[in-house]
Amino acid sequence: MRSMTGYGRCRAERDGREMTVEVRSVNHRFLDVACRLPRSLSFLDDAVRKGVAAQASRGHVDVFVSYANHRTDARRVRVDTALASAYQRAARELSDALGTQETLTLAEYARLPDVLTVEEGDEDQAAVRALFDEALSGAMRELTDMREREGENMRRDLLEKTANIEAIRDQIALRAPQVVEGYRDRLRQRLSSLLEGELDEARFATEVALFADRAAIDEELVRLVSHIGQIRAASESREPVGRQLDFLVQELNREVNTIGSKALDAPIAQLVVRAKGEIEKLREQVQNVE
């Protein structure tokens, strides 16, 4: 079991190139990947998404990539000789107009706008891709390790809450037969008082049977056992189980609500309230399971 929350970082360096990849993930219903790439590395966008998807199935994942190229061929200086000549002609024209003999030095020409410009060299995309793959793999490994550590803590907590729900379910199962018995006793006393002892036993038995049918919660109790067993099995799976757990928690809540509406018994109603509280805690926990 994995959490959807985690962080990973890896720095890779090779042949004068340096790349750092940071990966952060939080809850999300599906897998949603957001890339923060330098413009020069935009060709890696698809590789980011595929690399994350290979190791994560759910969560909002932010990927931050920083890159530096320290090679001697990383940049080049371009000289705009035509622009420099234009500046020279303009300087001479201005000198003639002012009647001076001042001229510009080479250093002054170099400082004029756009005469010298620094351009990024063409990247070796294959080399950059290899470096990126190394950095992303390391960052995702850290992220996965953190998600698994948190997932193990969540698994223990999930099993504890499931055990609490099971214990409440067992208490309801013990109480359920007493509901019909209590109704039979109350109904007999009420009818005996009203009819002064002249009780139609056949009609009385029919009424009790109808109540027992309306209040029967055996099916709901059996389904609760099934759902609890499936939750425990899912907690041991090596596959992503977040969606499955989310569905099972909804089913737990549905069965408990049905029990509360059918039982018509104060002690069972109190147990239902307790069960719903545990299910809500379980639901909040499951929201972070991958």
Protein backbone atom coordinates (compact mmCIF):
# COMPACT_ATOMS: atom_id res chain seq x y z
CA MET A 1 0.00 0.00 0.00
CA ARG A 2 1.30 3.43 -0.92
CA SER A 3 0.37 6.92 0.09
CA MET A 4 -0.17 9.52 -2.63
CA THR A 5 1.95 12.05 -0.71
CA GLY A 6 5.70 12.12 -1.07
CA TYR A 7 8.86 13.93 -2.16
CA GLY A 8 11.96 12.91 -4.06
CA ARG A 9 15.06 14.70 -5.34
CA CYS A 10 18.06 13.61 -7.37
CA ARG A 11 21.03 15.44 -8.89
CA ALA A 12 22.93 13.92 -11.82
CA GLU A 13 26.14 15.21 -13.40
CA ARG A 14 28.05 14.01 -16.44
CA ASP A 15 30.42 15.49 -19.04
CA GLY A 16 30.01 19.04 -17.81
CA ARG A 17 26.23 18.87 -17.67
CA GLU A 18 24.29 19.03 -14.41
CA MET A 19 20.61 18.33 -13.85
CA THR A 20 18.44 18.25 -10.73
CA VAL A 21 14.93 16.77 -10.64
CA GLU A 22 12.53 17.33 -7.76
CA VAL A 23 9.23 15.45 -7.55
CA ARG A 24 6.35 16.25 -5.18
CA SER A 25 3.03 14.41 -5.05
CA VAL A 26 -0.25 15.00 -3.23
CA ASN A 27 -3.76 13.54 -3.32
CA HIS A 28 -5.65 13.47 -6.58
CA ARG A 29 -8.40 11.27 -7.92
CA PHE A 30 -6.36 10.34 -10.99
CA LEU A 31 -2.75 10.72 -12.10
CA ASP A 32 -2.08 14.37 -12.93
CA VAL A 33 1.47 15.40 -13.85
CA ALA A 34 2.62 19.03 -14.00
CA CYS A 35 6.08 19.75 -15.50
CA ARG A 36 8.29 22.75 -14.76
CA LEU A 37 11.00 22.58 -17.43
CA PRO A 38 13.50 25.16 -18.69
CA ARG A 39 12.51 26.25 -22.18
CA SER A 40 15.59 24.62 -23.66
CA LEU A 41 14.43 21.25 -22.28
CA SER A 42 10.86 21.39 -23.53
CA PHE A 43 11.56 18.32 -25.66
CA LEU A 44 11.60 16.31 -22.40
CA ASP A 45 7.96 17.03 -21.52
CA ASP A 46 6.65 13.70 -22.79
CA ALA A 47 9.51 11.82 -21.12
CA VAL A 48 8.57 13.41 -17.78
CA ARG A 49 4.99 12.23 -18.00
CA LYS A 50 5.89 8.72 -19.12
CA GLY A 51 8.57 8.41 -16.44
CA VAL A 52 6.16 9.39 -13.68
CA ALA A 53 3.34 7.23 -15.03
CA ALA A 54 5.65 4.20 -15.01
CA GLN A 55 5.90 4.38 -11.21
CA ALA A 56 2.74 6.14 -10.02
CA SER A 57 -0.92 5.50 -10.83
CA ARG A 58 -2.66 8.24 -8.81
CA GLY A 59 -1.87 11.64 -7.35
CA HIS A 60 -1.06 15.16 -8.48
CA VAL A 61 2.67 15.09 -9.23
CA ASP A 62 4.76 18.25 -9.69
CA VAL A 63 8.10 17.75 -11.44
CA PHE A 64 10.71 20.54 -11.24
CA VAL A 65 13.79 20.30 -13.47
CA SER A 66 16.83 22.59 -13.28
CA TYR A 67 19.72 22.28 -15.72
CA ALA A 68 23.16 23.78 -16.19
CA ASN A 69 25.65 23.21 -18.99
CA HIS A 70 29.24 24.05 -18.02
CA ARG A 71 30.87 22.76 -21.21
CA THR A 72 33.02 25.09 -23.30
CA ASP A 73 30.69 24.61 -26.26
CA ALA A 74 27.61 25.49 -24.23
CA ARG A 75 27.58 29.10 -25.44
CA ARG A 76 28.96 31.14 -28.30
CA VAL A 77 29.35 34.86 -28.90
CA ARG A 78 27.90 36.22 -32.15
CA VAL A 79 29.31 39.42 -33.63
CA ASP A 80 26.96 41.58 -35.68
CA THR A 81 29.54 43.23 -37.95
CA ALA A 82 26.87 44.94 -40.04
CA LEU A 83 25.44 46.61 -36.96
CA ALA A 84 28.92 47.58 -35.76
CA SER A 85 29.60 49.20 -39.15
CA ALA A 86 26.33 51.08 -38.92
CA TYR A 87 27.33 52.35 -35.49
CA GLN A 88 30.71 53.41 -36.93
CA ARG A 89 29.09 55.35 -39.77
CA ALA A 90 26.72 57.02 -37.34
CA ALA A 91 29.61 57.95 -35.04
CA ARG A 92 31.50 59.55 -37.96
CA GLU A 93 28.38 61.43 -39.06
CA LEU A 94 27.91 62.72 -35.53
CA SER A 95 31.60 63.66 -35.30
CA ASP A 96 31.42 65.64 -38.55
CA ALA A 97 28.24 67.37 -37.44
CA LEU A 98 29.83 68.44 -34.15
CA GLY A 99 33.20 69.26 -35.66
CA THR A 100 35.12 66.91 -33.36
CA GLN A 101 37.66 64.18 -34.02
CA GLU A 102 36.49 61.81 -31.30
CA THR A 103 36.25 58.15 -32.29
CA LEU A 104 35.00 55.01 -30.54
CA THR A 105 37.40 52.40 -29.21
CA LEU A 106 36.96 48.68 -29.86
CA ALA A 107 35.81 48.15 -26.27
CA GLU A 108 33.19 50.87 -26.70
CA TYR A 109 31.92 49.27 -29.89
CA ALA A 110 31.64 45.93 -28.07
CA ARG A 111 29.47 47.54 -25.39
CA LEU A 112 26.99 48.98 -27.87
CA PRO A 113 23.57 47.24 -27.89
CA ASP A 114 23.42 43.98 -29.87
CA VAL A 115 26.90 44.19 -31.34
CA LEU A 116 27.92 41.21 -29.25
CA THR A 117 25.29 38.66 -28.22
CA VAL A 118 25.67 35.42 -26.29
CA GLU A 119 23.78 32.48 -27.72
CA GLU A 120 23.15 29.04 -26.26
CA GLY A 121 24.85 26.28 -28.18
CA ASP A 122 22.86 23.45 -29.69
CA GLU A 123 22.28 20.76 -27.06
CA ASP A 124 23.09 17.12 -27.59
CA GLN A 125 19.54 15.90 -26.91
CA ALA A 126 20.58 12.28 -26.53
CA ALA A 127 23.12 13.17 -23.82
CA VAL A 128 20.64 15.45 -22.06
CA ARG A 129 17.94 12.76 -22.21
CA ALA A 130 20.27 10.19 -20.66
CA LEU A 131 21.15 12.59 -17.84
CA PHE A 132 17.47 13.39 -17.30
CA ASP A 133 16.52 9.71 -17.16
CA GLU A 134 19.10 9.17 -14.44
CA ALA A 135 17.93 12.15 -12.38
CA LEU A 136 14.21 11.37 -12.77
CA SER A 137 14.76 7.72 -11.89
CA GLY A 138 16.54 8.68 -8.67
CA ALA A 139 13.91 11.25 -7.71
CA MET A 140 11.05 8.82 -8.38
CA ARG A 141 12.84 6.15 -6.34
CA GLU A 142 12.98 8.52 -3.36
CA LEU A 143 9.36 9.51 -3.90
CA THR A 144 8.24 5.87 -4.05
CA ASP A 145 10.18 4.98 -0.91
CA MET A 146 8.51 7.80 1.00
CA ARG A 147 5.08 6.88 -0.33
CA GLU A 148 5.61 3.26 0.71
CA ARG A 149 6.79 4.19 4.21
CA GLU A 150 3.75 6.40 4.74
CA GLY A 151 1.59 3.73 3.11
CA GLU A 152 2.70 1.16 5.70
CA ASN A 153 1.67 3.51 8.51
CA MET A 154 -1.66 4.04 6.78
CA ARG A 155 -2.13 0.29 6.37
CA ARG A 156 -1.73 -0.31 10.11
CA ASP A 157 -4.14 2.50 10.90
CA LEU A 158 -6.62 1.24 8.30
CA LEU A 159 -6.56 -2.27 9.77
CA GLU A 160 -7.07 -0.88 13.27
CA LYS A 161 -10.13 1.09 12.19
CA THR A 162 -11.43 -1.92 10.25
CA ALA A 163 -11.10 -4.03 13.40
CA ASN A 164 -13.09 -1.40 15.33
CA ILE A 165 -15.87 -1.54 12.72
CA GLU A 166 -15.85 -5.34 12.86
CA ALA A 167 -16.18 -5.27 16.65
CA ILE A 168 -19.17 -2.92 16.40
CA ARG A 169 -20.70 -5.15 13.72
CA ASP A 170 -20.38 -8.15 16.05
CA GLN A 171 -22.11 -6.21 18.85
CA ILE A 172 -24.96 -5.37 16.47
CA ALA A 173 -25.20 -9.05 15.46
CA LEU A 174 -25.51 -10.04 19.14
CA ARG A 175 -28.16 -7.41 19.76
CA ALA A 176 -30.24 -8.08 16.62
CA PRO A 177 -32.20 -11.14 17.92
CA GLN A 178 -33.20 -9.21 21.02
CA VAL A 179 -34.91 -6.56 18.90
CA VAL A 180 -37.69 -8.92 17.78
CA GLU A 181 -37.99 -10.43 21.27
CA GLY A 182 -38.35 -7.00 22.78
CA TYR A 183 -40.94 -6.00 20.21
CA ARG A 184 -42.90 -9.24 20.88
CA ASP A 185 -42.95 -8.58 24.63
CA ARG A 186 -43.99 -4.95 24.26
CA LEU A 187 -46.67 -5.75 21.72
CA ARG A 188 -48.09 -8.56 23.87
CA GLN A 189 -48.27 -6.30 26.92
CA ARG A 190 -49.91 -3.52 24.93
CA LEU A 191 -52.50 -5.74 23.28
CA SER A 192 -53.24 -7.63 26.48
CA SER A 193 -53.89 -4.35 28.24
CA LEU A 194 -56.16 -3.11 25.46
CA LEU A 195 -58.03 -6.37 24.85
CA GLU A 196 -58.20 -7.46 28.49
CA GLY A 197 -56.57 -10.82 27.84
CA GLU A 198 -58.52 -11.76 24.70
CA LEU A 199 -55.48 -11.99 22.37
CA ASP A 200 -55.67 -13.53 18.92
CA GLU A 201 -52.44 -15.52 18.93
CA ALA A 202 -52.48 -16.13 15.17
CA ARG A 203 -52.83 -12.45 14.40
CA PHE A 204 -50.28 -11.61 17.06
CA ALA A 205 -47.77 -14.03 15.53
CA THR A 206 -48.38 -12.56 12.08
CA GLU A 207 -47.72 -9.04 13.35
CA VAL A 208 -44.51 -10.12 15.03
CA ALA A 209 -43.42 -11.93 11.87
CA LEU A 210 -44.04 -8.83 9.77
CA PHE A 211 -41.97 -6.74 12.16
CA ALA A 212 -39.19 -9.32 12.16
CA ASP A 213 -39.11 -9.22 8.37
CA ARG A 214 -38.95 -5.42 8.29
CA ALA A 215 -36.26 -5.28 10.97
CA ALA A 216 -34.14 -8.14 9.63
CA ILE A 217 -30.52 -7.06 9.13
CA ASP A 218 -28.90 -10.45 8.53
CA GLU A 219 -28.04 -9.66 4.91
CA GLU A 220 -26.44 -6.33 5.85
CA LEU A 221 -24.39 -8.01 8.59
CA VAL A 222 -23.17 -10.68 6.15
CA ARG A 223 -22.21 -8.04 3.57
CA LEU A 224 -20.31 -6.11 6.24
CA VAL A 225 -18.25 -9.23 6.92
CA SER A 226 -17.53 -9.52 3.19
CA HIS A 227 -16.53 -5.85 2.81
CA ILE A 228 -14.27 -6.01 5.86
CA GLY A 229 -12.57 -9.12 4.47
CA GLN A 230 -12.02 -7.40 1.12
CA ILE A 231 -10.49 -4.36 2.82
CA ARG A 232 -8.04 -6.58 4.67
CA ALA A 233 -7.14 -8.43 1.49
CA ALA A 234 -6.64 -5.16 -0.39
CA SER A 235 -4.35 -3.86 2.36
CA GLU A 236 -1.92 -6.71 1.59
CA SER A 237 -1.93 -6.15 -2.18
CA ARG A 238 1.16 -4.88 -3.99
CA GLU A 239 -1.05 -3.19 -6.59
CA PRO A 240 -2.68 0.26 -6.26
CA VAL A 241 -5.89 -0.24 -4.26
CA GLY A 242 -7.06 3.31 -3.48
CA ARG A 243 -10.11 3.24 -5.77
CA GLN A 244 -11.11 -0.22 -4.53
CA LEU A 245 -10.84 0.87 -0.90
CA ASP A 246 -12.83 4.01 -1.62
CA PHE A 247 -15.64 1.88 -3.08
CA LEU A 248 -15.57 -0.57 -0.15
CA VAL A 249 -15.77 2.25 2.38
CA GLN A 250 -18.83 3.61 0.56
CA GLU A 251 -20.39 0.15 0.75
CA LEU A 252 -19.62 -0.09 4.47
CA ASN A 253 -21.39 3.19 5.00
CA ARG A 254 -24.37 2.06 2.90
CA GLU A 255 -24.82 -1.16 4.90
CA VAL A 256 -24.51 0.60 8.25
CA ASN A 257 -27.06 3.24 7.22
CA THR A 258 -29.47 0.49 6.17
CA ILE A 259 -29.01 -1.26 9.52
CA GLY A 260 -29.77 1.98 11.34
CA SER A 261 -32.97 2.55 9.36
CA LYS A 262 -34.24 -1.04 9.69
CA ALA A 263 -33.35 -2.05 13.23
CA LEU A 264 -35.63 0.40 15.09
CA ASP A 265 -33.68 -0.17 18.29
CA ALA A 266 -31.97 2.43 20.48
CA PRO A 267 -28.88 0.34 21.41
CA ILE A 268 -28.32 -0.59 17.76
CA ALA A 269 -28.80 3.06 16.78
CA GLN A 270 -26.00 4.00 19.20
CA LEU A 271 -23.76 1.31 17.71
CA VAL A 272 -24.56 2.59 14.22
CA VAL A 273 -23.45 6.09 15.22
CA ARG A 274 -20.16 4.67 16.50
CA ALA A 275 -19.68 2.64 13.33
CA LYS A 276 -20.31 5.65 11.11
CA GLY A 277 -17.70 7.61 13.07
CA GLU A 278 -15.11 4.89 12.43
CA ILE A 279 -16.11 4.66 8.76
CA GLU A 280 -15.66 8.41 8.35
CA LYS A 281 -12.15 8.17 9.81
CA LEU A 282 -11.49 5.29 7.45
CA ARG A 283 -12.82 7.29 4.49
CA GLU A 284 -10.48 10.20 5.27
CA GLN A 285 -7.53 7.82 5.46
CA VAL A 286 -8.41 6.05 2.23
CA GLN A 287 -8.46 9.36 0.33
CA ASN A 288 -4.65 9.33 0.49
CA VAL A 289 -4.13 5.75 -0.70
CA GLU A 290 -2.74 5.30 -4.20
